[in-house]
Protein backbone atom coordinates (compact mmCIF):
# COMPACT_ATOMS: atom_id res chain seq x y z
CA MET A 1 154.67 40.94 -123.79
CA LEU A 2 155.18 43.30 -121.28
CA GLY A 3 155.58 46.69 -122.10
CA ASP A 4 158.66 48.55 -122.49
CA SER A 5 157.98 51.63 -120.21
CA LEU A 6 160.24 52.38 -117.34
CA LEU A 7 158.98 52.35 -114.26
CA THR A 8 160.34 53.68 -110.99
CA PRO A 9 160.03 51.12 -108.57
CA PRO A 10 157.26 51.32 -106.17
CA TYR A 11 157.92 48.33 -104.10
CA GLY A 12 159.38 48.58 -100.40
CA ILE A 13 162.00 45.87 -99.25
CA TYR A 14 162.06 44.19 -96.38
CA GLU A 15 165.47 43.78 -95.35
CA PRO A 16 165.39 41.70 -91.60
CA THR A 17 166.03 38.33 -92.59
CA ILE A 18 163.08 36.71 -91.61
CA LEU A 19 163.64 32.80 -92.43
CA CYS A 20 166.35 30.99 -90.49
CA ALA A 21 168.58 33.79 -89.13
CA GLN A 22 171.30 31.43 -88.59
CA ARG A 23 171.49 30.52 -92.63
CA THR A 24 174.64 31.74 -94.09
CA VAL A 25 174.15 34.19 -96.92
CA LYS A 26 175.18 33.54 -100.12
CA VAL A 27 175.91 36.56 -102.65
CA GLY A 28 173.60 35.96 -105.39
CA LEU A 29 170.75 33.07 -106.01
CA GLY A 30 171.23 29.66 -106.06
CA TYR A 31 170.06 27.67 -108.89
CA ARG A 32 169.26 23.90 -109.40
CA GLN A 33 168.78 22.24 -112.77
CA GLY A 34 165.71 21.98 -114.44
CA MET A 35 163.49 23.32 -111.86
CA THR A 36 164.61 26.77 -111.10
CA ILE A 37 165.40 29.28 -113.89
CA ASP A 38 166.36 33.51 -113.98
CA VAL A 39 163.73 35.09 -116.16
CA THR A 40 163.21 38.45 -117.94
CA GLU A 41 160.90 40.07 -119.55
CA GLU A 42 162.29 38.95 -122.70
CA THR A 43 162.05 35.39 -121.48
CA PHE A 44 158.59 36.12 -119.54
CA GLU A 45 155.89 35.01 -122.01
CA THR A 46 157.80 31.61 -122.78
CA GLU A 47 159.33 30.61 -119.96
CA VAL A 48 156.51 31.69 -117.32
CA LEU A 49 153.33 31.96 -118.74
CA ALA A 50 154.03 29.25 -121.70
CA ARG A 51 155.21 26.95 -118.61
CA SER A 52 152.60 27.52 -116.92
CA ALA A 53 150.33 25.82 -119.14
CA VAL A 54 151.77 22.37 -118.46
CA GLY A 55 152.57 22.82 -115.17
CA PRO A 56 152.42 25.55 -112.12
CA VAL A 57 155.07 27.99 -112.00
CA LEU A 58 155.79 29.66 -108.83
CA ALA A 59 157.52 33.79 -109.73
CA TYR A 60 159.68 34.63 -107.45
CA LEU A 61 160.56 38.38 -107.68
CA TRP A 62 163.76 40.04 -105.92
CA THR A 63 166.43 41.96 -105.39
CA PRO A 64 170.08 41.52 -105.31
CA ARG A 65 170.28 44.77 -103.05
CA SER A 66 168.23 42.83 -99.91
CA GLU A 67 169.73 40.06 -97.86
CA ALA A 68 166.41 38.91 -96.73
CA CYS A 69 165.71 38.51 -100.48
CA ILE A 70 168.74 36.39 -101.09
CA ALA A 71 167.98 34.40 -97.95
CA PHE A 72 164.12 33.99 -98.64
CA ALA A 73 165.55 32.48 -102.36
CA GLN A 74 167.80 29.98 -100.64
CA VAL A 75 164.89 28.61 -98.74
CA LEU A 76 162.61 28.25 -102.00
CA ASP A 77 165.52 26.13 -103.94
CA GLU A 78 164.91 23.82 -101.06
CA ILE A 79 161.03 23.55 -101.01
CA ILE A 80 161.02 23.43 -104.90
CA ALA A 81 163.62 20.77 -104.71
CA ASP A 82 161.50 18.81 -102.31
CA THR A 83 158.37 19.07 -104.77
CA GLN A 84 160.64 16.70 -107.23
CA GLY A 85 160.25 19.10 -110.48
CA LYS A 86 156.49 19.31 -109.96
CA VAL A 87 156.80 23.05 -109.56
CA LEU A 88 158.95 25.41 -111.19
CA LEU A 89 160.68 28.07 -109.95
CA ALA A 90 160.93 31.66 -112.03
CA LYS A 91 163.21 34.05 -110.50
CA ILE A 92 162.91 37.68 -111.41
CA ASN A 93 165.22 40.78 -110.55
CA VAL A 94 162.79 43.48 -110.09
CA ASP A 95 165.56 46.14 -110.81
CA ASP A 96 166.35 44.73 -113.99
CA ASN A 97 162.64 44.29 -115.44
CA PRO A 98 160.54 46.92 -114.48
CA GLY A 99 157.51 45.72 -116.79
CA ILE A 100 157.00 42.54 -115.08
CA VAL A 101 157.02 44.51 -111.61
CA GLN A 102 154.43 46.70 -113.39
CA ALA A 103 152.29 43.46 -114.65
CA PHE A 104 152.42 41.84 -111.45
CA ARG A 105 151.26 44.92 -109.52
CA VAL A 106 154.27 44.51 -107.02
CA GLN A 107 154.46 46.69 -104.05
CA ALA A 108 156.87 44.75 -101.88
CA VAL A 109 159.93 42.41 -102.04
CA PRO A 110 160.19 39.27 -101.82
CA ALA A 111 157.08 38.52 -103.50
CA MET A 112 155.60 35.32 -104.69
CA PHE A 113 153.00 34.32 -107.65
CA ALA A 114 151.74 31.00 -107.83
CA LEU A 115 150.80 30.77 -112.14
CA ARG A 116 148.91 28.18 -113.43
CA ASP A 117 147.73 28.05 -117.35
CA GLY A 118 148.92 31.89 -117.58
CA SER A 119 146.70 33.06 -114.40
CA ILE A 120 147.78 34.12 -111.04
CA MET A 121 146.31 30.89 -108.11
CA ALA A 122 147.79 33.02 -105.33
CA GLU A 123 150.34 35.64 -104.48
CA PHE A 124 152.44 36.74 -101.40
CA GLN A 125 154.58 40.03 -100.94
CA GLY A 126 156.34 40.73 -98.22
CA PRO A 127 157.80 38.62 -95.13
CA LEU A 128 156.91 34.78 -95.05
CA GLY A 129 157.92 32.53 -92.58
CA GLU A 130 159.06 29.01 -93.74
CA ALA A 131 156.31 26.69 -92.64
CA ALA A 132 154.43 29.55 -94.41
CA VAL A 133 155.89 29.12 -97.43
CA ARG A 134 156.45 25.43 -97.25
CA GLN A 135 152.58 25.38 -97.62
CA PHE A 136 152.05 27.99 -100.33
CA VAL A 137 154.29 26.21 -102.68
CA GLU A 138 152.10 22.75 -101.55
CA GLN A 139 149.12 24.15 -102.52
CA MET A 140 150.09 24.61 -106.22
CA LEU A 141 151.30 20.85 -106.39
CA PRO A 142 148.96 19.19 -109.03
CA THR A 143 146.47 16.76 -108.55
CA ALA A 144 146.96 12.94 -110.04
CA THR A 145 144.46 14.55 -112.81
CA GLN A 146 146.73 17.60 -113.77
CA GLU A 147 149.76 15.72 -113.71
CA HIS A 148 148.55 13.36 -116.36
CA ILE A 149 147.10 16.10 -118.44
CA SER A 150 150.78 17.55 -117.93
CA ALA A 151 151.88 13.78 -119.20
CA LEU A 152 149.77 13.72 -122.11
CA LEU A 153 151.03 17.48 -123.07
CA ASN A 154 154.96 16.52 -122.98
CA ARG A 155 154.23 13.98 -125.26
CA GLY A 156 152.15 16.01 -127.90
CA ASP A 157 151.15 13.56 -130.61
CA GLU A 158 147.61 14.07 -131.67
CA GLN A 159 146.25 10.45 -129.41
CA SER A 160 147.62 12.17 -126.48
CA LEU A 161 146.01 15.51 -126.85
CA THR A 162 142.86 14.09 -127.93
CA GLU A 163 142.66 12.52 -124.54
CA VAL A 164 143.44 15.74 -122.78
CA LEU A 165 140.57 17.16 -124.71
CA GLU A 166 138.19 14.23 -123.26
CA ILE A 167 139.43 15.62 -120.07
CA GLU A 168 139.25 18.69 -120.05
CA PRO A 169 137.17 19.97 -123.07
CA GLY A 170 138.09 23.79 -123.25
CA HIS A 171 141.92 23.27 -122.56
CA GLU A 172 143.48 25.71 -124.99
CA THR A 173 146.99 24.34 -124.83
CA ALA A 174 145.66 21.10 -125.79
CA ILE A 175 143.53 22.97 -128.85
CA VAL A 176 146.18 25.15 -130.15
CA SER A 177 148.71 22.13 -130.86
CA LEU A 178 146.19 19.39 -131.99
CA ALA A 179 144.54 22.34 -134.42
CA THR A 180 148.44 22.84 -135.73
CA ILE A 181 148.49 18.91 -136.28
CA LEU A 182 145.60 19.23 -138.37
CA THR A 183 146.39 22.21 -140.26
CA ALA A 184 149.62 20.54 -141.45
CA ARG A 185 147.85 17.49 -142.34
CA GLY A 186 145.52 19.66 -144.55
CA GLU A 187 142.57 20.06 -142.44
CA GLY A 188 142.14 23.40 -141.89
CA GLU A 189 138.55 23.51 -141.35
CA ALA A 190 138.53 20.73 -138.85
CA ALA A 191 141.49 23.14 -136.99
CA LEU A 192 139.11 26.31 -137.25
CA ALA A 193 136.36 24.45 -136.03
CA LEU A 194 138.10 23.08 -132.80
CA LEU A 195 139.88 26.42 -131.99
CA ALA A 196 136.56 28.12 -132.12
CA ARG A 197 135.75 26.36 -128.74
CA VAL A 198 138.03 28.76 -126.88
CA PRO A 199 138.43 32.17 -126.32
CA GLU A 200 140.84 34.26 -128.81
CA THR A 201 144.19 34.61 -127.61
CA GLU A 202 147.31 35.20 -129.32
CA ASN A 203 148.22 31.51 -129.58
CA VAL A 204 144.63 30.91 -130.76
CA ARG A 205 144.91 33.71 -132.99
CA LYS A 206 148.10 32.84 -135.15
CA ALA A 207 146.80 28.66 -135.29
CA ALA A 208 143.35 30.15 -136.50
CA ALA A 209 145.19 32.21 -138.93
CA ALA A 210 147.74 29.30 -139.63
CA ALA A 211 144.22 27.32 -140.60
CA ARG A 212 143.09 29.92 -142.88
CA LEU A 213 145.82 30.44 -145.03
CA SER A 214 145.98 26.73 -145.63
CA LEU A 215 142.87 26.64 -147.16
CA ARG A 216 144.19 29.35 -150.05
CA PRO A 217 146.73 28.58 -152.31
CA GLN A 218 150.21 29.23 -151.11
CA ASP A 219 152.40 31.87 -152.84
CA ASP A 220 155.02 34.80 -151.73
CA TYR A 221 153.55 36.60 -148.88
CA ASP A 222 155.63 39.74 -150.20
CA HIS A 223 153.51 39.00 -153.83
CA GLN A 224 150.56 38.35 -151.56
CA LEU A 225 150.14 41.08 -149.51
CA GLY A 226 151.42 43.55 -152.44
CA GLN A 227 148.03 42.45 -154.46
CA LEU A 228 145.83 42.65 -151.76
CA LEU A 229 146.73 45.88 -150.62
CA GLU A 230 144.91 46.90 -153.55
CA LEU A 231 141.61 45.93 -152.17
CA VAL A 232 141.74 45.84 -148.37
CA LYS A 233 139.65 49.49 -147.93
CA THR A 234 136.95 47.82 -149.91
CA ASP A 235 136.94 44.65 -149.21
CA ASP A 236 136.45 42.27 -145.88
CA GLU A 237 137.57 39.14 -146.83
CA ALA A 238 141.04 40.75 -148.76
CA ARG A 239 141.58 42.70 -145.32
CA GLN A 240 141.05 39.59 -143.40
CA GLN A 241 143.80 37.61 -145.50
CA PHE A 242 146.14 40.68 -145.22
CA VAL A 243 145.92 40.30 -141.38
CA ASP A 244 146.10 36.80 -141.58
CA ILE A 245 149.42 36.74 -143.27
CA LEU A 246 151.09 39.48 -141.22
CA GLU A 247 149.88 36.88 -137.80
CA VAL A 248 151.60 33.71 -139.65
CA MET A 249 154.39 36.27 -140.43
CA GLY A 250 154.98 37.18 -137.10
CA LEU A 251 156.81 40.21 -135.41
CA GLU A 252 159.91 38.17 -135.87
CA ASP A 253 159.91 38.49 -139.60
CA SER A 254 161.43 41.76 -140.43
CA ARG A 255 159.08 42.52 -143.10
CA THR A 256 155.88 42.43 -140.97
CA ALA A 257 156.06 46.25 -139.31
CA GLY A 258 156.75 47.87 -142.95
CA TRP A 259 153.62 45.76 -144.53
CA ARG A 260 151.32 46.84 -141.23
CA LYS A 261 152.31 50.56 -141.96
CA LYS A 262 151.15 50.18 -145.38
CA LEU A 263 147.79 48.56 -144.24
CA THR A 264 146.82 51.65 -141.83
CA MET A 265 148.11 54.25 -144.26
CA ARG A 266 146.08 52.54 -147.13
CA LEU A 267 142.89 52.09 -144.74
CA TYR A 268 143.17 55.43 -142.63
């Protein structure tokens, strides 16, 4: 997640309309169903980072206080439409989302960041002509192999995910998805072996925790945590099982924060 810290905007605003001065500037940003979304700090992880695992995402950071940003967005809408759904445009209002501004280290708006697999492929901050914008977006278009992988990931079945790994053995999204299928089928050991092929990330950690728990008898989490709490200070295995249960419960479970606090008090 992006932190909750408030940030005094350090970015500059380019007010001159640098794209097609004859265009009529509308108040607000355009929206094209399926190819353009509005993103906030709360939805950034799922709508930008997660979706960049299956296709390129163009994060557009703007402010409604700038006519240049609004005009720029209209041009982007048209260019993104020309990609026929191959590039997703994620619009982020910098005034409402200071955490994203900080994460991207934005110094000027309008700003564009091309993302793939959770990483920034390219970026540009400040004014850019229409031809240059089009070239920027065209460079994001997936190759034939990437399109094939995206199609397989969208299917999400075991055979398709296995095919992805034949093409790209270290594809994290495919590995996590396949490990989840294996865990649900009772093949926790196979899931853990698969997850060991990629570096640990939040998704990998959660999938591994679920796989480890599947190898143990299932019981009420509160009951298990209560028993394990007595052992966590001296028993490494008990401590790992305690942490695994918390990972599976997730932050959305109202009990998680309380059990984390109890663990910290017991350990320290």
